């Protein structure tokens, strides 16, 4: 989804071949055309993209248009990561405070 958001900026429709997607994701994943088809259908079902499969002389292409959820995907992901990081920091802080409070109570009532 990150690749599609980077490639399909704004509200335009873009032609993307499965080979382009495979090359872009080859550093992290090895995907076949059938797997990419399944992923595209799933993203469409989750209301991130609209796509149409197009055959031409040059091969097989997807006409991809981002929906509203797809356009905000990158910012939503950043916000979720930041929220998760703050949650972890808060948990560490509260654990430290409760540990120090426990030591103080132990020292007082010893």
PDB file of N, CA and C in Angstrom:
ATOM      1  N   UNK A   1       0.825  -1.188   0.000  1.00  0.00           N
ATOM      2  CA  UNK A   1       0.000   0.000   0.000  1.00  0.00           C
ATOM      3  C   UNK A   1       0.872   1.256   0.000  1.00  0.00           C
ATOM      4  N   UNK A   2       1.998   1.194   0.720  1.00  0.00           N
ATOM      5  CA  UNK A   2       2.891   2.352   0.762  1.00  0.00           C
ATOM      6  C   UNK A   2       3.405   2.692  -0.638  1.00  0.00           C
ATOM      7  N   UNK A   3       3.745   1.673  -1.411  1.00  0.00           N
ATOM      8  CA  UNK A   3       4.220   1.911  -2.772  1.00  0.00           C
ATOM      9  C   UNK A   3       3.136   2.578  -3.610  1.00  0.00           C
ATOM     10  N   UNK A   4       1.904   2.102  -3.497  1.00  0.00           N
ATOM     11  CA  UNK A   4       0.807   2.689  -4.275  1.00  0.00           C
ATOM     12  C   UNK A   4       0.544   4.127  -3.860  1.00  0.00           C
ATOM     13  N   UNK A   5       0.646   4.417  -2.561  1.00  0.00           N
ATOM     14  CA  UNK A   5       0.436   5.791  -2.094  1.00  0.00           C
ATOM     15  C   UNK A   5       1.524   6.716  -2.619  1.00  0.00           C
ATOM     16  N   UNK A   6       2.759   6.226  -2.639  1.00  0.00           N
ATOM     17  CA  UNK A   6       3.850   7.049  -3.152  1.00  0.00           C
ATOM     18  C   UNK A   6       3.730   7.260  -4.663  1.00  0.00           C
ATOM     19  N   UNK A   7       3.320   6.226  -5.370  1.00  0.00           N
ATOM     20  CA  UNK A   7       3.218   6.285  -6.823  1.00  0.00           C
ATOM     21  C   UNK A   7       1.999   7.092  -7.273  1.00  0.00           C
ATOM     22  N   UNK A   8       0.874   6.922  -6.611  1.00  0.00           N
ATOM     23  CA  UNK A   8      -0.392   7.527  -7.038  1.00  0.00           C
ATOM     24  C   UNK A   8      -0.739   8.730  -6.183  1.00  0.00           C
ATOM     25  N   UNK A   9       0.083   9.729  -6.186  1.00  0.00           N
ATOM     26  CA  UNK A   9      -0.192  10.912  -5.389  1.00  0.00           C
ATOM     27  C   UNK A   9      -1.310  11.718  -6.040  1.00  0.00           C
ATOM     28  N   UNK A  10      -1.953  12.517  -5.219  1.00  0.00           N
ATOM     29  CA  UNK A  10      -3.080  13.357  -5.627  1.00  0.00           C
ATOM     30  C   UNK A  10      -4.276  12.483  -5.993  1.00  0.00           C
ATOM     31  N   UNK A  11      -5.163  13.001  -6.824  1.00  0.00           N
ATOM     32  CA  UNK A  11      -6.386  12.279  -7.160  1.00  0.00           C
ATOM     33  C   UNK A  11      -6.380  11.810  -8.604  1.00  0.00           C
ATOM     34  N   UNK A  12      -5.239  11.421  -9.096  1.00  0.00           N
ATOM     35  CA  UNK A  12      -5.137  10.988 -10.474  1.00  0.00           C
ATOM     36  C   UNK A  12      -5.221   9.472 -10.571  1.00  0.00           C
ATOM     37  N   UNK A  13      -5.469   9.007 -11.773  1.00  0.00           N
ATOM     38  CA  UNK A  13      -5.449   7.581 -12.058  1.00  0.00           C
ATOM     39  C   UNK A  13      -4.118   7.260 -12.717  1.00  0.00           C
ATOM     40  N   UNK A  14      -3.467   6.214 -12.235  1.00  0.00           N
ATOM     41  CA  UNK A  14      -2.158   5.836 -12.752  1.00  0.00           C
ATOM     42  C   UNK A  14      -2.192   4.427 -13.305  1.00  0.00           C
ATOM     43  N   UNK A  15      -1.402   4.209 -14.349  1.00  0.00           N
ATOM     44  CA  UNK A  15      -1.204   2.877 -14.899  1.00  0.00           C
ATOM     45  C   UNK A  15       0.032   2.273 -14.257  1.00  0.00           C
ATOM     46  N   UNK A  16      -0.153   1.124 -13.629  1.00  0.00           N
ATOM     47  CA  UNK A  16       0.956   0.451 -12.968  1.00  0.00           C
ATOM     48  C   UNK A  16       0.927  -1.009 -13.390  1.00  0.00           C
ATOM     49  N   UNK A  17       2.067  -1.507 -13.810  1.00  0.00           N
ATOM     50  CA  UNK A  17       2.133  -2.921 -14.187  1.00  0.00           C
ATOM     51  C   UNK A  17       2.516  -3.763 -12.970  1.00  0.00           C
ATOM     52  N   UNK A  18       2.123  -5.023 -12.957  1.00  0.00           N
ATOM     53  CA  UNK A  18       2.526  -5.906 -11.861  1.00  0.00           C
ATOM     54  C   UNK A  18       4.045  -6.043 -11.761  1.00  0.00           C
ATOM     55  N   UNK A  19       4.727  -5.924 -12.881  1.00  0.00           N
ATOM     56  CA  UNK A  19       6.185  -6.006 -12.871  1.00  0.00           C
ATOM     57  C   UNK A  19       6.804  -4.832 -12.121  1.00  0.00           C
ATOM     58  N   UNK A  20       6.221  -3.642 -12.266  1.00  0.00           N
ATOM     59  CA  UNK A  20       6.704  -2.476 -11.515  1.00  0.00           C
ATOM     60  C   UNK A  20       6.549  -2.688 -10.019  1.00  0.00           C
ATOM     61  N   UNK A  21       5.408  -3.224  -9.625  1.00  0.00           N
ATOM     62  CA  UNK A  21       5.165  -3.490  -8.211  1.00  0.00           C
ATOM     63  C   UNK A  21       6.142  -4.538  -7.704  1.00  0.00           C
ATOM     64  N   UNK A  22       6.351  -5.587  -8.478  1.00  0.00           N
ATOM     65  CA  UNK A  22       7.283  -6.650  -8.087  1.00  0.00           C
ATOM     66  C   UNK A  22       8.701  -6.109  -7.941  1.00  0.00           C
ATOM     67  N   UNK A  23       9.131  -5.273  -8.870  1.00  0.00           N
ATOM     68  CA  UNK A  23      10.476  -4.703  -8.792  1.00  0.00           C
ATOM     69  C   UNK A  23      10.625  -3.775  -7.592  1.00  0.00           C
ATOM     70  N   UNK A  24       9.609  -3.009  -7.298  1.00  0.00           N
ATOM     71  CA  UNK A  24       9.675  -2.074  -6.172  1.00  0.00           C
ATOM     72  C   UNK A  24       9.702  -2.817  -4.843  1.00  0.00           C
ATOM     73  N   UNK A  25       9.012  -3.932  -4.762  1.00  0.00           N
ATOM     74  CA  UNK A  25       8.930  -4.681  -3.515  1.00  0.00           C
ATOM     75  C   UNK A  25       9.905  -5.854  -3.445  1.00  0.00           C
ATOM     76  N   UNK A  26      10.748  -6.020  -4.459  1.00  0.00           N
ATOM     77  CA  UNK A  26      11.637  -7.179  -4.504  1.00  0.00           C
ATOM     78  C   UNK A  26      12.679  -7.183  -3.395  1.00  0.00           C
ATOM     79  N   UNK A  27      12.968  -6.028  -2.798  1.00  0.00           N
ATOM     80  CA  UNK A  27      13.943  -5.976  -1.707  1.00  0.00           C
ATOM     81  C   UNK A  27      13.385  -6.619  -0.441  1.00  0.00           C
ATOM     82  N   UNK A  28      12.056  -6.559  -0.263  1.00  0.00           N
ATOM     83  CA  UNK A  28      11.445  -7.085   0.957  1.00  0.00           C
ATOM     84  C   UNK A  28      10.633  -8.350   0.715  1.00  0.00           C
ATOM     85  N   UNK A  29       9.966  -8.446  -0.432  1.00  0.00           N
ATOM     86  CA  UNK A  29       9.044  -9.545  -0.693  1.00  0.00           C
ATOM     87  C   UNK A  29       9.264 -10.111  -2.084  1.00  0.00           C
ATOM     88  N   UNK A  30       8.929 -11.377  -2.227  1.00  0.00           N
ATOM     89  CA  UNK A  30       8.915 -12.004  -3.546  1.00  0.00           C
ATOM     90  C   UNK A  30       7.460 -12.336  -3.842  1.00  0.00           C
ATOM     91  N   UNK A  31       6.886 -11.658  -4.832  1.00  0.00           N
ATOM     92  CA  UNK A  31       5.473 -11.807  -5.143  1.00  0.00           C
ATOM     93  C   UNK A  31       5.281 -12.239  -6.585  1.00  0.00           C
ATOM     94  N   UNK A  32       4.281 -13.090  -6.790  1.00  0.00           N
ATOM     95  CA  UNK A  32       3.902 -13.460  -8.145  1.00  0.00           C
ATOM     96  C   UNK A  32       2.760 -12.544  -8.599  1.00  0.00           C
ATOM     97  N   UNK A  33       2.419 -12.624  -9.868  1.00  0.00           N
ATOM     98  CA  UNK A  33       1.356 -11.800 -10.412  1.00  0.00           C
ATOM     99  C   UNK A  33       0.018 -12.172  -9.763  1.00  0.00           C
ATOM    100  N   UNK A  34      -0.191 -13.463  -9.488  1.00  0.00           N
ATOM    101  CA  UNK A  34      -1.437 -13.899  -8.849  1.00  0.00           C
ATOM    102  C   UNK A  34      -1.559 -13.319  -7.441  1.00  0.00           C
ATOM    103  N   UNK A  35      -0.455 -13.284  -6.703  1.00  0.00           N
ATOM    104  CA  UNK A  35      -0.473 -12.709  -5.361  1.00  0.00           C
ATOM    105  C   UNK A  35      -0.749 -11.205  -5.406  1.00  0.00           C
ATOM    106  N   UNK A  36      -0.174 -10.535  -6.388  1.00  0.00           N
ATOM    107  CA  UNK A  36      -0.420  -9.100  -6.539  1.00  0.00           C
ATOM    108  C   UNK A  36      -1.885  -8.857  -6.880  1.00  0.00           C
ATOM    109  N   UNK A  37      -2.467  -9.711  -7.730  1.00  0.00           N
ATOM    110  CA  UNK A  37      -3.889  -9.598  -8.047  1.00  0.00           C
ATOM    111  C   UNK A  37      -4.739  -9.730  -6.782  1.00  0.00           C
ATOM    112  N   UNK A  38      -4.410 -10.712  -5.948  1.00  0.00           N
ATOM    113  CA  UNK A  38      -5.156 -10.911  -4.697  1.00  0.00           C
ATOM    114  C   UNK A  38      -5.014  -9.704  -3.768  1.00  0.00           C
ATOM    115  N   UNK A  39      -3.804  -9.165  -3.683  1.00  0.00           N
ATOM    116  CA  UNK A  39      -3.567  -7.991  -2.836  1.00  0.00           C
ATOM    117  C   UNK A  39      -4.359  -6.796  -3.344  1.00  0.00           C
ATOM    118  N   UNK A  40      -4.371  -6.589  -4.643  1.00  0.00           N
ATOM    119  CA  UNK A  40      -5.108  -5.464  -5.218  1.00  0.00           C
ATOM    120  C   UNK A  40      -6.612  -5.602  -4.957  1.00  0.00           C
ATOM    121  N   UNK A  41      -7.141  -6.813  -5.086  1.00  0.00           N
ATOM    122  CA  UNK A  41      -8.563  -7.042  -4.811  1.00  0.00           C
ATOM    123  C   UNK A  41      -8.855  -6.774  -3.336  1.00  0.00           C
ATOM    124  N   UNK A  42      -7.968  -7.230  -2.450  1.00  0.00           N
ATOM    125  CA  UNK A  42      -8.161  -7.017  -1.016  1.00  0.00           C
ATOM    126  C   UNK A  42      -8.099  -5.528  -0.659  1.00  0.00           C
ATOM    127  N   UNK A  43      -7.174  -4.794  -1.261  1.00  0.00           N
ATOM    128  CA  UNK A  43      -7.104  -3.346  -1.023  1.00  0.00           C
ATOM    129  C   UNK A  43      -8.357  -2.640  -1.539  1.00  0.00           C
ATOM    130  N   UNK A  44      -8.896  -3.137  -2.632  1.00  0.00           N
ATOM    131  CA  UNK A  44     -10.135  -2.574  -3.157  1.00  0.00           C
ATOM    132  C   UNK A  44     -11.298  -2.887  -2.219  1.00  0.00           C
ATOM    133  N   UNK A  45     -11.333  -4.087  -1.675  1.00  0.00           N
ATOM    134  CA  UNK A  45     -12.397  -4.461  -0.735  1.00  0.00           C
ATOM    135  C   UNK A  45     -12.305  -3.671   0.568  1.00  0.00           C
ATOM    136  N   UNK A  46     -11.099  -3.309   0.970  1.00  0.00           N
ATOM    137  CA  UNK A  46     -10.899  -2.536   2.195  1.00  0.00           C
ATOM    138  C   UNK A  46     -11.082  -1.034   1.967  1.00  0.00           C
ATOM    139  N   UNK A  47     -11.480  -0.675   0.755  1.00  0.00           N
ATOM    140  CA  UNK A  47     -11.813   0.707   0.413  1.00  0.00           C
ATOM    141  C   UNK A  47     -10.590   1.634   0.405  1.00  0.00           C
ATOM    142  N   UNK A  48      -9.430   1.106   0.009  1.00  0.00           N
ATOM    143  CA  UNK A  48      -8.240   1.931  -0.147  1.00  0.00           C
ATOM    144  C   UNK A  48      -8.067   2.410  -1.590  1.00  0.00           C
ATOM    145  N   UNK A  49      -8.375   1.544  -2.546  1.00  0.00           N
ATOM    146  CA  UNK A  49      -8.136   1.880  -3.952  1.00  0.00           C
ATOM    147  C   UNK A  49      -9.331   1.454  -4.806  1.00  0.00           C
ATOM    148  N   UNK A  50      -9.386   2.037  -5.985  1.00  0.00           N
ATOM    149  CA  UNK A  50     -10.229   1.552  -7.071  1.00  0.00           C
ATOM    150  C   UNK A  50      -9.269   1.155  -8.175  1.00  0.00           C
ATOM    151  N   UNK A  51      -9.481  -0.005  -8.764  1.00  0.00           N
ATOM    152  CA  UNK A  51      -8.593  -0.385  -9.856  1.00  0.00           C
ATOM    153  C   UNK A  51      -9.355  -1.173 -10.907  1.00  0.00           C
ATOM    154  N   UNK A  52      -8.848  -1.070 -12.123  1.00  0.00           N
ATOM    155  CA  UNK A  52      -9.377  -1.800 -13.258  1.00  0.00           C
ATOM    156  C   UNK A  52      -8.188  -2.451 -13.947  1.00  0.00           C
ATOM    157  N   UNK A  53      -8.356  -3.700 -14.333  1.00  0.00           N
ATOM    158  CA  UNK A  53      -7.288  -4.407 -15.039  1.00  0.00           C
ATOM    159  C   UNK A  53      -7.394  -4.070 -16.518  1.00  0.00           C
ATOM    160  N   UNK A  54      -6.272  -3.745 -17.114  1.00  0.00           N
ATOM    161  CA  UNK A  54      -6.239  -3.314 -18.507  1.00  0.00           C
ATOM    162  C   UNK A  54      -5.190  -4.121 -19.268  1.00  0.00           C
ATOM    163  N   UNK A  55      -5.578  -4.670 -20.398  1.00  0.00           N
ATOM    164  CA  UNK A  55      -4.634  -5.356 -21.276  1.00  0.00           C
ATOM    165  C   UNK A  55      -4.326  -4.448 -22.454  1.00  0.00           C
ATOM    166  N   UNK A  56      -3.047  -4.370 -22.792  1.00  0.00           N
ATOM    167  CA  UNK A  56      -2.658  -3.565 -23.944  1.00  0.00           C
ATOM    168  C   UNK A  56      -1.575  -4.311 -24.709  1.00  0.00           C
ATOM    169  N   UNK A  57      -1.064  -3.675 -25.740  1.00  0.00           N
ATOM    170  CA  UNK A  57       0.006  -4.289 -26.524  1.00  0.00           C
ATOM    171  C   UNK A  57       1.267  -4.485 -25.692  1.00  0.00           C
ATOM    172  N   UNK A  58       1.486  -3.602 -24.730  1.00  0.00           N
ATOM    173  CA  UNK A  58       2.690  -3.668 -23.899  1.00  0.00           C
ATOM    174  C   UNK A  58       2.528  -4.627 -22.732  1.00  0.00           C
ATOM    175  N   UNK A  59       1.323  -5.120 -22.482  1.00  0.00           N
ATOM    176  CA  UNK A  59       1.136  -6.090 -21.416  1.00  0.00           C
ATOM    177  C   UNK A  59      -0.041  -5.773 -20.524  1.00  0.00           C
ATOM    178  N   UNK A  60       0.073  -6.219 -19.317  1.00  0.00           N
ATOM    179  CA  UNK A  60      -0.971  -6.236 -18.306  1.00  0.00           C
ATOM    180  C   UNK A  60      -0.759  -5.060 -17.361  1.00  0.00           C
ATOM    181  N   UNK A  61      -1.770  -4.203 -17.183  1.00  0.00           N
ATOM    182  CA  UNK A  61      -1.646  -3.025 -16.339  1.00  0.00           C
ATOM    183  C   UNK A  61      -2.846  -2.898 -15.408  1.00  0.00           C
ATOM    184  N   UNK A  62      -2.632  -2.193 -14.298  1.00  0.00           N
ATOM    185  CA  UNK A  62      -3.709  -1.806 -13.402  1.00  0.00           C
ATOM    186  C   UNK A  62      -3.920  -0.306 -13.562  1.00  0.00           C
ATOM    187  N   UNK A  63      -5.163   0.107 -13.699  1.00  0.00           N
ATOM    188  CA  UNK A  63      -5.518   1.527 -13.637  1.00  0.00           C
ATOM    189  C   UNK A  63      -5.934   1.777 -12.196  1.00  0.00           C
ATOM    190  N   UNK A  64      -5.083   2.449 -11.425  1.00  0.00           N
ATOM    191  CA  UNK A  64      -5.283   2.582  -9.982  1.00  0.00           C
ATOM    192  C   UNK A  64      -5.640   4.016  -9.642  1.00  0.00           C
ATOM    193  N   UNK A  65      -6.659   4.156  -8.807  1.00  0.00           N
ATOM    194  CA  UNK A  65      -7.069   5.448  -8.283  1.00  0.00           C
ATOM    195  C   UNK A  65      -7.235   5.286  -6.771  1.00  0.00           C
ATOM    196  N   UNK A  66      -6.594   6.159  -6.001  1.00  0.00           N
ATOM    197  CA  UNK A  66      -6.700   6.073  -4.538  1.00  0.00           C
ATOM    198  C   UNK A  66      -8.024   6.647  -4.064  1.00  0.00           C
ATOM    199  N   UNK A  67      -8.653   5.947  -3.147  1.00  0.00           N
ATOM    200  CA  UNK A  67      -9.839   6.475  -2.477  1.00  0.00           C
ATOM    201  C   UNK A  67      -9.375   7.297  -1.285  1.00  0.00           C
ATOM    202  N   UNK A  68     -10.313   7.838  -0.527  1.00  0.00           N
ATOM    203  CA  UNK A  68      -9.964   8.719   0.589  1.00  0.00           C
ATOM    204  C   UNK A  68      -9.094   7.998   1.622  1.00  0.00           C
ATOM    205  N   UNK A  69      -9.436   6.742   1.952  1.00  0.00           N
ATOM    206  CA  UNK A  69      -8.625   5.980   2.909  1.00  0.00           C
ATOM    207  C   UNK A  69      -7.215   5.753   2.384  1.00  0.00           C
ATOM    208  N   UNK A  70      -7.081   5.559   1.093  1.00  0.00           N
ATOM    209  CA  UNK A  70      -5.767   5.362   0.493  1.00  0.00           C
ATOM    210  C   UNK A  70      -4.936   6.630   0.487  1.00  0.00           C
ATOM    211  N   UNK A  71      -5.595   7.771   0.313  1.00  0.00           N
ATOM    212  CA  UNK A  71      -4.871   9.038   0.295  1.00  0.00           C
ATOM    213  C   UNK A  71      -4.326   9.391   1.674  1.00  0.00           C
ATOM    214  N   UNK A  72      -5.002   8.983   2.721  1.00  0.00           N
ATOM    215  CA  UNK A  72      -4.557   9.300   4.085  1.00  0.00           C
ATOM    216  C   UNK A  72      -3.780   8.161   4.727  1.00  0.00           C
ATOM    217  N   UNK A  73      -3.457   7.126   3.970  1.00  0.00           N
ATOM    218  CA  UNK A  73      -2.789   5.938   4.530  1.00  0.00           C
ATOM    219  C   UNK A  73      -1.441   6.283   5.163  1.00  0.00           C
ATOM    220  N   UNK A  74      -0.598   7.030   4.466  1.00  0.00           N
ATOM    221  CA  UNK A  74       0.734   7.354   4.999  1.00  0.00           C
ATOM    222  C   UNK A  74       0.649   8.170   6.286  1.00  0.00           C
ATOM    223  N   UNK A  75      -0.207   9.172   6.314  1.00  0.00           N
ATOM    224  CA  UNK A  75      -0.329   9.990   7.527  1.00  0.00           C
ATOM    225  C   UNK A  75      -0.948   9.191   8.667  1.00  0.00           C
ATOM    226  N   UNK A  76      -1.894   8.308   8.361  1.00  0.00           N
ATOM    227  CA  UNK A  76      -2.481   7.454   9.398  1.00  0.00           C
ATOM    228  C   UNK A  76      -1.443   6.504   9.980  1.00  0.00           C
ATOM    229  N   UNK A  77      -0.586   5.973   9.134  1.00  0.00           N
ATOM    230  CA  UNK A  77       0.461   5.059   9.596  1.00  0.00           C
ATOM    231  C   UNK A  77       1.446   5.787  10.500  1.00  0.00           C
ATOM    232  N   UNK A  78       1.849   6.992  10.122  1.00  0.00           N
ATOM    233  CA  UNK A  78       2.768   7.773  10.956  1.00  0.00           C
ATOM    234  C   UNK A  78       2.138   8.104  12.300  1.00  0.00           C
ATOM    235  N   UNK A  79       0.870   8.485  12.276  1.00  0.00           N
ATOM    236  CA  UNK A  79       0.168   8.810  13.519  1.00  0.00           C
ATOM    237  C   UNK A  79       0.065   7.576  14.424  1.00  0.00           C
ATOM    238  N   UNK A  80      -0.224   6.419  13.845  1.00  0.00           N
ATOM    239  CA  UNK A  80      -0.320   5.188  14.641  1.00  0.00           C
ATOM    240  C   UNK A  80       1.028   4.809  15.251  1.00  0.00           C
ATOM    241  N   UNK A  81       2.109   4.982  14.501  1.00  0.00           N
ATOM    242  CA  UNK A  81       3.452   4.682  15.031  1.00  0.00           C
ATOM    243  C   UNK A  81       3.802   5.624  16.179  1.00  0.00           C
ATOM    244  N   UNK A  82       3.496   6.896  16.009  1.00  0.00           N
ATOM    245  CA  UNK A  82       3.781   7.869  17.054  1.00  0.00           C
ATOM    246  C   UNK A  82       2.967   7.560  18.311  1.00  0.00           C
ATOM    247  N   UNK A  83       1.700   7.228  18.146  1.00  0.00           N
ATOM    248  CA  UNK A  83       0.839   6.882  19.273  1.00  0.00           C
ATOM    249  C   UNK A  83       1.360   5.643  19.987  1.00  0.00           C
ATOM    250  N   UNK A  84       1.806   4.647  19.231  1.00  0.00           N
ATOM    251  CA  UNK A  84       2.352   3.431  19.815  1.00  0.00           C
ATOM    252  C   UNK A  84       3.631   3.727  20.591  1.00  0.00           C
ATOM    253  N   UNK A  85       4.496   4.563  20.033  1.00  0.00           N
ATOM    254  CA  UNK A  85       5.731   4.948  20.721  1.00  0.00           C
ATOM    255  C   UNK A  85       5.449   5.689  22.012  1.00  0.00           C
ATOM    256  N   UNK A  86       4.489   6.615  21.975  1.00  0.00           N
ATOM    257  CA  UNK A  86       4.124   7.346  23.190  1.00  0.00           C
ATOM    258  C   UNK A  86       3.507   6.417  24.233  1.00  0.00           C
ATOM    259  N   UNK A  87       2.766   5.426  23.799  1.00  0.00           N
ATOM    260  CA  UNK A  87       2.184   4.450  24.718  1.00  0.00           C
ATOM    261  C   UNK A  87       3.277   3.642  25.417  1.00  0.00           C
ATOM    262  N   UNK A  88       4.298   3.246  24.665  1.00  0.00           N
ATOM    263  CA  UNK A  88       5.415   2.504  25.257  1.00  0.00           C
ATOM    264  C   UNK A  88       6.184   3.383  26.235  1.00  0.00           C
ATOM    265  N   UNK A  89       6.464   4.631  25.848  1.00  0.00           N
ATOM    266  CA  UNK A  89       7.167   5.542  26.750  1.00  0.00           C
ATOM    267  C   UNK A  89       6.375   5.802  28.023  1.00  0.00           C
ATOM    268  N   UNK A  90       5.082   5.970  27.893  1.00  0.00           N
ATOM    269  CA  UNK A  90       4.234   6.174  29.072  1.00  0.00           C
ATOM    270  C   UNK A  90       4.261   4.954  29.984  1.00  0.00           C
ATOM    271  N   UNK A  91       4.227   3.768  29.383  1.00  0.00           N
ATOM    272  CA  UNK A  91       4.271   2.537  30.181  1.00  0.00           C
ATOM    273  C   UNK A  91       5.594   2.398  30.925  1.00  0.00           C
ATOM    274  N   UNK A  92       6.694   2.726  30.253  1.00  0.00           N
ATOM    275  CA  UNK A  92       8.008   2.669  30.900  1.00  0.00           C
ATOM    276  C   UNK A  92       8.078   3.689  32.035  1.00  0.00           C
ATOM    277  N   UNK A  93       7.572   4.884  31.792  1.00  0.00           N
ATOM    278  CA  UNK A  93       7.567   5.915  32.822  1.00  0.00           C
ATOM    279  C   UNK A  93       6.752   5.481  34.037  1.00  0.00           C
ATOM    280  N   UNK A  94       5.557   4.949  33.813  1.00  0.00           N
ATOM    281  CA  UNK A  94       4.711   4.526  34.927  1.00  0.00           C
ATOM    282  C   UNK A  94       5.321   3.342  35.676  1.00  0.00           C
ATOM    283  N   UNK A  95       5.979   2.436  34.976  1.00  0.00           N
ATOM    284  CA  UNK A  95       6.648   1.318  35.643  1.00  0.00           C
ATOM    285  C   UNK A  95       7.789   1.823  36.514  1.00  0.00           C
ATOM    286  N   UNK A  96       8.547   2.802  36.015  1.00  0.00           N
ATOM    287  CA  UNK A  96       9.648   3.369  36.793  1.00  0.00           C
ATOM    288  C   UNK A  96       9.127   4.099  38.030  1.00  0.00           C
ATOM    289  N   UNK A  97       8.082   4.886  37.855  1.00  0.00           N
ATOM    290  CA  UNK A  97       7.503   5.621  38.980  1.00  0.00           C
ATOM    291  C   UNK A  97       6.965   4.652  40.031  1.00  0.00           C
ATOM    292  N   UNK A  98       6.287   3.606  39.608  1.00  0.00           N
ATOM    293  CA  UNK A  98       5.750   2.651  40.585  1.00  0.00           C
ATOM    294  C   UNK A  98       6.877   1.894  41.286  1.00  0.00           C
ATOM    295  N   UNK A  99       7.975   1.617  40.588  1.00  0.00           N
ATOM    296  CA  UNK A  99       9.117   0.951  41.214  1.00  0.00           C
ATOM    297  C   UNK A  99       9.733   1.858  42.286  1.00  0.00           C
ATOM    298  N   UNK A 100       9.946   3.131  41.949  1.00  0.00           N
ATOM    299  CA  UNK A 100      10.514   4.080  42.906  1.00  0.00           C
ATOM    300  C   UNK A 100       9.555   4.272  44.080  1.00  0.00           C
ATOM    301  N   UNK A 101       8.284   4.373  43.813  1.00  0.00           N
ATOM    302  CA  UNK A 101       7.289   4.513  44.885  1.00  0.00           C
ATOM    303  C   UNK A 101       7.309   3.281  45.793  1.00  0.00           C
ATOM    304  N   UNK A 102       7.436   2.100  45.215  1.00  0.00           N
ATOM    305  CA  UNK A 102       7.541   0.871  46.010  1.00  0.00           C
ATOM    306  C   UNK A 102       8.780   0.866  46.880  1.00  0.00           C
ATOM    307  N   UNK A 103       9.914   1.332  46.353  1.00  0.00           N
ATOM    308  CA  UNK A 103      11.139   1.411  47.147  1.00  0.00           C
ATOM    309  C   UNK A 103      10.967   2.396  48.291  1.00  0.00           C
ATOM    310  N   UNK A 104      10.326   3.538  48.028  1.00  0.00           N
ATOM    311  CA  UNK A 104      10.084   4.515  49.095  1.00  0.00           C
ATOM    312  C   UNK A 104       9.190   3.947  50.180  1.00  0.00           C
ATOM    313  N   UNK A 105       8.134   3.278  49.808  1.00  0.00           N
ATOM    314  CA  UNK A 105       7.237   2.680  50.788  1.00  0.00           C
ATOM    315  C   UNK A 105       7.928   1.590  51.596  1.00  0.00           C
ATOM    316  N   UNK A 106       8.781   0.829  50.946  1.00  0.00           N
ATOM    317  CA  UNK A 106       9.535  -0.224  51.628  1.00  0.00           C
ATOM    318  C   UNK A 106      10.503   0.394  52.627  1.00  0.00           C
ATOM    319  N   UNK A 107      11.143   1.510  52.254  1.00  0.00           N
ATOM    320  CA  UNK A 107      12.100   2.187  53.145  1.00  0.00           C
ATOM    321  C   UNK A 107      11.373   2.826  54.336  1.00  0.00           C
ATOM    322  N   UNK A 108      10.172   3.350  54.092  1.00  0.00           N
ATOM    323  CA  UNK A 108       9.426   4.010  55.166  1.00  0.00           C
ATOM    324  C   UNK A 108       8.898   2.988  56.180  1.00  0.00           C
ATOM    325  N   UNK A 109       8.341   1.896  55.723  1.00  0.00           N
ATOM    326  CA  UNK A 109       7.701   0.942  56.614  1.00  0.00           C
ATOM    327  C   UNK A 109       8.588  -0.228  57.016  1.00  0.00           C
ATOM    328  N   UNK A 110       9.866  -0.104  56.858  1.00  0.00           N
ATOM    329  CA  UNK A 110      10.780  -1.172  57.233  1.00  0.00           C
ATOM    330  C   UNK A 110      11.094  -1.192  58.658  1.00  0.00           C
TER     331      UNK A 110
END
